[in-house]
Amino acid sequence: MTEEDIDRVAPDRNAIRSQFEATRTAFHGLLESLSADDWKGKSGNEGWTVGQLMWHIAWGAGYFPQGVEACRKGKAPNPPTWLMNPANLLVTRLGSRGATPTSVAEKYDRAHAAILECLDGVGDDEWQLGVKAFGRYTTIEGTFERFSEHYLEHETEIRQGLGR
């Protein structure tokens, strides 16, 4: 790969970092806006409470560095959706037991720090490495894009449940 190719495919790390920071700010803002009743209330995602969904966002954020590594290796888990969706529901329901806004904030912040460290470790020639994972093809660049998209997807469901 030539230097010109690298310049063309390497995204702006500062822009990605800014997006991650904006997502972190939004996550904490939403988390801090929740009352105890909100936390226990239904979200717009059928079967999950607002608290469970907040836990899911924080827990899921921790897997993005693994997604980057899977892209590097060209090998990733690819279970069928009919198996993955119920497993995701079960993991969230069990994992979120006893979760509090404080514990969820800490979990998210650990994941946020890990994804920033991962971002710093991506070589300019690695951005387009990719793999089919969980039913869809993604690259390292796409994995970083998905980080904020995942939050926004579930933020919408939480706000729907809260009527906001």
C-alpha atoms as a PDB file:
ATOM      1  CA  MET A   1       0.000   0.000   0.000  1.00  0.00           C
ATOM      2  CA  THR A   2       1.387   3.378  -0.945  1.00  0.00           C
ATOM      3  CA  GLU A   3       1.381   6.456   1.282  1.00  0.00           C
ATOM      4  CA  GLU A   4      -1.285   7.931  -0.993  1.00  0.00           C
ATOM      5  CA  ASP A   5      -3.501   4.862  -0.417  1.00  0.00           C
ATOM      6  CA  ILE A   6      -3.049   5.164   3.355  1.00  0.00           C
ATOM      7  CA  ASP A   7      -4.032   8.836   3.279  1.00  0.00           C
ATOM      8  CA  ARG A   8      -7.149   7.932   1.310  1.00  0.00           C
ATOM      9  CA  VAL A   9      -8.309   5.125   3.605  1.00  0.00           C
ATOM     10  CA  ALA A  10      -7.151   6.307   7.020  1.00  0.00           C
ATOM     11  CA  PRO A  11      -9.961   8.190   8.753  1.00  0.00           C
ATOM     12  CA  ASP A  12      -9.387  11.150  11.026  1.00  0.00           C
ATOM     13  CA  ARG A  13      -8.597   9.742  14.485  1.00  0.00           C
ATOM     14  CA  ASN A  14      -9.393  13.067  16.129  1.00  0.00           C
ATOM     15  CA  ALA A  15     -12.849  13.059  14.559  1.00  0.00           C
ATOM     16  CA  ILE A  16     -13.447   9.509  15.804  1.00  0.00           C
ATOM     17  CA  ARG A  17     -12.196  10.441  19.268  1.00  0.00           C
ATOM     18  CA  SER A  18     -14.529  13.479  19.285  1.00  0.00           C
ATOM     19  CA  GLN A  19     -17.451  11.263  18.304  1.00  0.00           C
ATOM     20  CA  PHE A  20     -16.622   8.856  21.132  1.00  0.00           C
ATOM     21  CA  GLU A  21     -16.446  11.752  23.590  1.00  0.00           C
ATOM     22  CA  ALA A  22     -19.812  13.083  22.362  1.00  0.00           C
ATOM     23  CA  THR A  23     -21.292   9.604  22.786  1.00  0.00           C
ATOM     24  CA  ARG A  24     -19.859   9.320  26.299  1.00  0.00           C
ATOM     25  CA  THR A  25     -21.301  12.728  27.216  1.00  0.00           C
ATOM     26  CA  ALA A  26     -24.709  11.733  25.821  1.00  0.00           C
ATOM     27  CA  PHE A  27     -24.639   8.379  27.643  1.00  0.00           C
ATOM     28  CA  HIS A  28     -23.840  10.013  30.985  1.00  0.00           C
ATOM     29  CA  GLY A  29     -26.388  12.762  30.385  1.00  0.00           C
ATOM     30  CA  LEU A  30     -29.112  10.228  29.752  1.00  0.00           C
ATOM     31  CA  LEU A  31     -28.010   8.106  32.700  1.00  0.00           C
ATOM     32  CA  GLU A  32     -28.032  11.086  35.062  1.00  0.00           C
ATOM     33  CA  SER A  33     -31.492  12.118  33.864  1.00  0.00           C
ATOM     34  CA  LEU A  34     -33.057   8.839  34.974  1.00  0.00           C
ATOM     35  CA  SER A  35     -35.085   8.632  38.167  1.00  0.00           C
ATOM     36  CA  ALA A  36     -35.366   5.393  40.151  1.00  0.00           C
ATOM     37  CA  ASP A  37     -38.779   4.852  38.538  1.00  0.00           C
ATOM     38  CA  ASP A  38     -37.329   5.508  35.070  1.00  0.00           C
ATOM     39  CA  TRP A  39     -34.604   2.920  35.705  1.00  0.00           C
ATOM     40  CA  LYS A  40     -37.227   0.241  36.423  1.00  0.00           C
ATOM     41  CA  GLY A  41     -39.610   1.367  33.676  1.00  0.00           C
ATOM     42  CA  LYS A  42     -40.154  -0.202  30.297  1.00  0.00           C
ATOM     43  CA  SER A  43     -38.048   0.907  27.375  1.00  0.00           C
ATOM     44  CA  GLY A  44     -39.139   1.003  23.754  1.00  0.00           C
ATOM     45  CA  ASN A  45     -37.249  -2.284  23.286  1.00  0.00           C
ATOM     46  CA  GLU A  46     -39.768  -5.000  24.026  1.00  0.00           C
ATOM     47  CA  GLY A  47     -38.887  -7.034  27.077  1.00  0.00           C
ATOM     48  CA  TRP A  48     -36.150  -4.756  28.466  1.00  0.00           C
ATOM     49  CA  THR A  49     -36.392  -2.135  31.146  1.00  0.00           C
ATOM     50  CA  VAL A  50     -34.573   1.170  30.838  1.00  0.00           C
ATOM     51  CA  GLY A  51     -31.980  -0.003  33.380  1.00  0.00           C
ATOM     52  CA  GLN A  52     -31.396  -3.250  31.506  1.00  0.00           C
ATOM     53  CA  LEU A  53     -30.928  -1.350  28.276  1.00  0.00           C
ATOM     54  CA  MET A  54     -28.474   1.090  29.878  1.00  0.00           C
ATOM     55  CA  TRP A  55     -26.522  -1.903  31.202  1.00  0.00           C
ATOM     56  CA  HIS A  56     -26.636  -3.478  27.727  1.00  0.00           C
ATOM     57  CA  ILE A  57     -25.149  -0.334  26.156  1.00  0.00           C
ATOM     58  CA  ALA A  58     -22.307  -0.289  28.680  1.00  0.00           C
ATOM     59  CA  TRP A  59     -21.703  -4.031  28.409  1.00  0.00           C
ATOM     60  CA  GLY A  60     -21.818  -3.959  24.610  1.00  0.00           C
ATOM     61  CA  ALA A  61     -19.358  -1.070  24.488  1.00  0.00           C
ATOM     62  CA  GLY A  62     -16.797  -3.363  26.058  1.00  0.00           C
ATOM     63  CA  TYR A  63     -16.863  -5.678  23.038  1.00  0.00           C
ATOM     64  CA  PHE A  64     -15.831  -3.181  20.382  1.00  0.00           C
ATOM     65  CA  PRO A  65     -12.069  -3.681  20.907  1.00  0.00           C
ATOM     66  CA  GLN A  66     -12.665  -7.401  20.345  1.00  0.00           C
ATOM     67  CA  GLY A  67     -14.405  -6.498  17.092  1.00  0.00           C
ATOM     68  CA  VAL A  68     -11.328  -4.599  15.965  1.00  0.00           C
ATOM     69  CA  GLU A  69      -9.134  -7.588  16.789  1.00  0.00           C
ATOM     70  CA  ALA A  70     -11.498  -9.901  14.895  1.00  0.00           C
ATOM     71  CA  CYS A  71     -11.134  -7.658  11.826  1.00  0.00           C
ATOM     72  CA  ARG A  72      -7.357  -7.893  12.125  1.00  0.00           C
ATOM     73  CA  LYS A  73      -7.474 -11.693  12.290  1.00  0.00           C
ATOM     74  CA  GLY A  74     -10.221 -12.098   9.687  1.00  0.00           C
ATOM     75  CA  LYS A  75     -12.036 -14.424  12.050  1.00  0.00           C
ATOM     76  CA  ALA A  76     -15.086 -13.628  14.180  1.00  0.00           C
ATOM     77  CA  PRO A  77     -18.095 -15.286  15.786  1.00  0.00           C
ATOM     78  CA  ASN A  78     -20.970 -15.592  13.373  1.00  0.00           C
ATOM     79  CA  PRO A  79     -23.841 -17.340  15.153  1.00  0.00           C
ATOM     80  CA  PRO A  80     -27.271 -17.357  13.519  1.00  0.00           C
ATOM     81  CA  THR A  81     -29.632 -14.526  14.472  1.00  0.00           C
ATOM     82  CA  TRP A  82     -32.213 -16.971  15.813  1.00  0.00           C
ATOM     83  CA  LEU A  83     -29.640 -17.999  18.422  1.00  0.00           C
ATOM     84  CA  MET A  84     -27.959 -14.638  18.992  1.00  0.00           C
ATOM     85  CA  ASN A  85     -31.058 -12.568  19.761  1.00  0.00           C
ATOM     86  CA  PRO A  86     -32.328 -14.790  22.616  1.00  0.00           C
ATOM     87  CA  ALA A  87     -28.768 -15.117  23.961  1.00  0.00           C
ATOM     88  CA  ASN A  88     -28.367 -11.332  23.953  1.00  0.00           C
ATOM     89  CA  LEU A  89     -31.665 -10.961  25.813  1.00  0.00           C
ATOM     90  CA  LEU A  90     -30.656 -13.567  28.397  1.00  0.00           C
ATOM     91  CA  VAL A  91     -27.181 -12.097  28.934  1.00  0.00           C
ATOM     92  CA  THR A  92     -28.688  -8.640  29.412  1.00  0.00           C
ATOM     93  CA  ARG A  93     -31.367  -9.778  31.821  1.00  0.00           C
ATOM     94  CA  LEU A  94     -28.936 -11.808  33.913  1.00  0.00           C
ATOM     95  CA  GLY A  95     -26.003  -9.436  33.673  1.00  0.00           C
ATOM     96  CA  SER A  96     -28.007  -6.393  34.636  1.00  0.00           C
ATOM     97  CA  ARG A  97     -29.314  -7.900  37.865  1.00  0.00           C
ATOM     98  CA  GLY A  98     -28.197  -5.668  40.672  1.00  0.00           C
ATOM     99  CA  ALA A  99     -26.894  -3.035  38.265  1.00  0.00           C
ATOM    100  CA  THR A 100     -27.159   0.550  39.426  1.00  0.00           C
ATOM    101  CA  PRO A 101     -26.623   3.801  37.578  1.00  0.00           C
ATOM    102  CA  THR A 102     -23.248   4.047  39.327  1.00  0.00           C
ATOM    103  CA  SER A 103     -22.128   0.540  38.341  1.00  0.00           C
ATOM    104  CA  VAL A 104     -23.341   1.059  34.773  1.00  0.00           C
ATOM    105  CA  ALA A 105     -21.481   4.385  34.529  1.00  0.00           C
ATOM    106  CA  GLU A 106     -18.290   2.681  35.712  1.00  0.00           C
ATOM    107  CA  LYS A 107     -18.750  -0.193  33.239  1.00  0.00           C
ATOM    108  CA  TYR A 108     -19.273   2.253  30.391  1.00  0.00           C
ATOM    109  CA  ASP A 109     -16.268   4.358  31.350  1.00  0.00           C
ATOM    110  CA  ARG A 110     -13.999   1.282  31.413  1.00  0.00           C
ATOM    111  CA  ALA A 111     -15.257   0.333  27.950  1.00  0.00           C
ATOM    112  CA  HIS A 112     -14.814   3.893  26.718  1.00  0.00           C
ATOM    113  CA  ALA A 113     -11.183   3.949  27.906  1.00  0.00           C
ATOM    114  CA  ALA A 114     -10.554   0.595  26.212  1.00  0.00           C
ATOM    115  CA  ILE A 115     -11.982   1.720  22.866  1.00  0.00           C
ATOM    116  CA  LEU A 116      -9.861   4.881  22.949  1.00  0.00           C
ATOM    117  CA  GLU A 117      -6.767   2.781  23.647  1.00  0.00           C
ATOM    118  CA  CYS A 118      -7.769   0.495  20.793  1.00  0.00           C
ATOM    119  CA  LEU A 119      -8.184   3.492  18.478  1.00  0.00           C
ATOM    120  CA  ASP A 120      -4.657   4.628  19.311  1.00  0.00           C
ATOM    121  CA  GLY A 121      -3.323   1.186  18.381  1.00  0.00           C
ATOM    122  CA  VAL A 122      -4.783   0.956  14.877  1.00  0.00           C
ATOM    123  CA  GLY A 123      -2.159   1.227  12.167  1.00  0.00           C
ATOM    124  CA  ASP A 124      -2.856   3.484   9.209  1.00  0.00           C
ATOM    125  CA  ASP A 125      -2.784   0.418   6.965  1.00  0.00           C
ATOM    126  CA  GLU A 126      -5.380  -1.520   9.032  1.00  0.00           C
ATOM    127  CA  TRP A 127      -8.568   0.531   8.677  1.00  0.00           C
ATOM    128  CA  GLN A 128     -10.029  -1.536   5.825  1.00  0.00           C
ATOM    129  CA  LEU A 129      -9.283  -4.957   7.325  1.00  0.00           C
ATOM    130  CA  GLY A 130     -12.602  -6.671   7.849  1.00  0.00           C
ATOM    131  CA  VAL A 131     -14.579  -9.755   8.684  1.00  0.00           C
ATOM    132  CA  LYS A 132     -18.120 -11.090   8.659  1.00  0.00           C
ATOM    133  CA  ALA A 133     -19.285 -11.028  12.263  1.00  0.00           C
ATOM    134  CA  PHE A 134     -22.734 -11.635  13.661  1.00  0.00           C
ATOM    135  CA  GLY A 135     -24.230 -11.774  10.190  1.00  0.00           C
ATOM    136  CA  ARG A 136     -22.695  -8.683   8.624  1.00  0.00           C
ATOM    137  CA  TYR A 137     -19.399  -7.682   7.116  1.00  0.00           C
ATOM    138  CA  THR A 138     -17.528  -4.885   8.829  1.00  0.00           C
ATOM    139  CA  THR A 139     -14.098  -3.292   8.772  1.00  0.00           C
ATOM    140  CA  ILE A 140     -12.060  -1.781  11.575  1.00  0.00           C
ATOM    141  CA  GLU A 141     -13.322   1.618  10.460  1.00  0.00           C
ATOM    142  CA  GLY A 142     -16.896   0.316  10.476  1.00  0.00           C
ATOM    143  CA  THR A 143     -16.427  -1.151  13.939  1.00  0.00           C
ATOM    144  CA  PHE A 144     -15.485   2.269  15.268  1.00  0.00           C
ATOM    145  CA  GLU A 145     -18.495   3.814  13.512  1.00  0.00           C
ATOM    146  CA  ARG A 146     -20.775   1.199  15.061  1.00  0.00           C
ATOM    147  CA  PHE A 147     -19.696   2.180  18.590  1.00  0.00           C
ATOM    148  CA  SER A 148     -21.713   5.416  18.569  1.00  0.00           C
ATOM    149  CA  GLU A 149     -24.456   3.956  16.364  1.00  0.00           C
ATOM    150  CA  HIS A 150     -25.093   1.267  18.984  1.00  0.00           C
ATOM    151  CA  TYR A 151     -25.608   3.903  21.654  1.00  0.00           C
ATOM    152  CA  LEU A 152     -27.907   6.004  19.449  1.00  0.00           C
ATOM    153  CA  GLU A 153     -30.024   2.989  18.509  1.00  0.00           C
ATOM    154  CA  HIS A 154     -30.718   2.182  22.139  1.00  0.00           C
ATOM    155  CA  GLU A 155     -30.961   5.794  23.299  1.00  0.00           C
ATOM    156  CA  THR A 156     -33.944   6.099  20.963  1.00  0.00           C
ATOM    157  CA  GLU A 157     -35.572   3.035  22.534  1.00  0.00           C
ATOM    158  CA  ILE A 158     -34.972   4.355  26.041  1.00  0.00           C
ATOM    159  CA  ARG A 159     -36.458   7.738  25.184  1.00  0.00           C
ATOM    160  CA  GLN A 160     -39.457   6.017  23.558  1.00  0.00           C
ATOM    161  CA  GLY A 161     -40.097   4.084  26.748  1.00  0.00           C
ATOM    162  CA  LEU A 162     -39.781   7.223  28.839  1.00  0.00           C
ATOM    163  CA  GLY A 163     -42.005   9.193  26.474  1.00  0.00           C
ATOM    164  CA  ARG A 164     -39.237  11.744  25.855  1.00  0.00           C
END
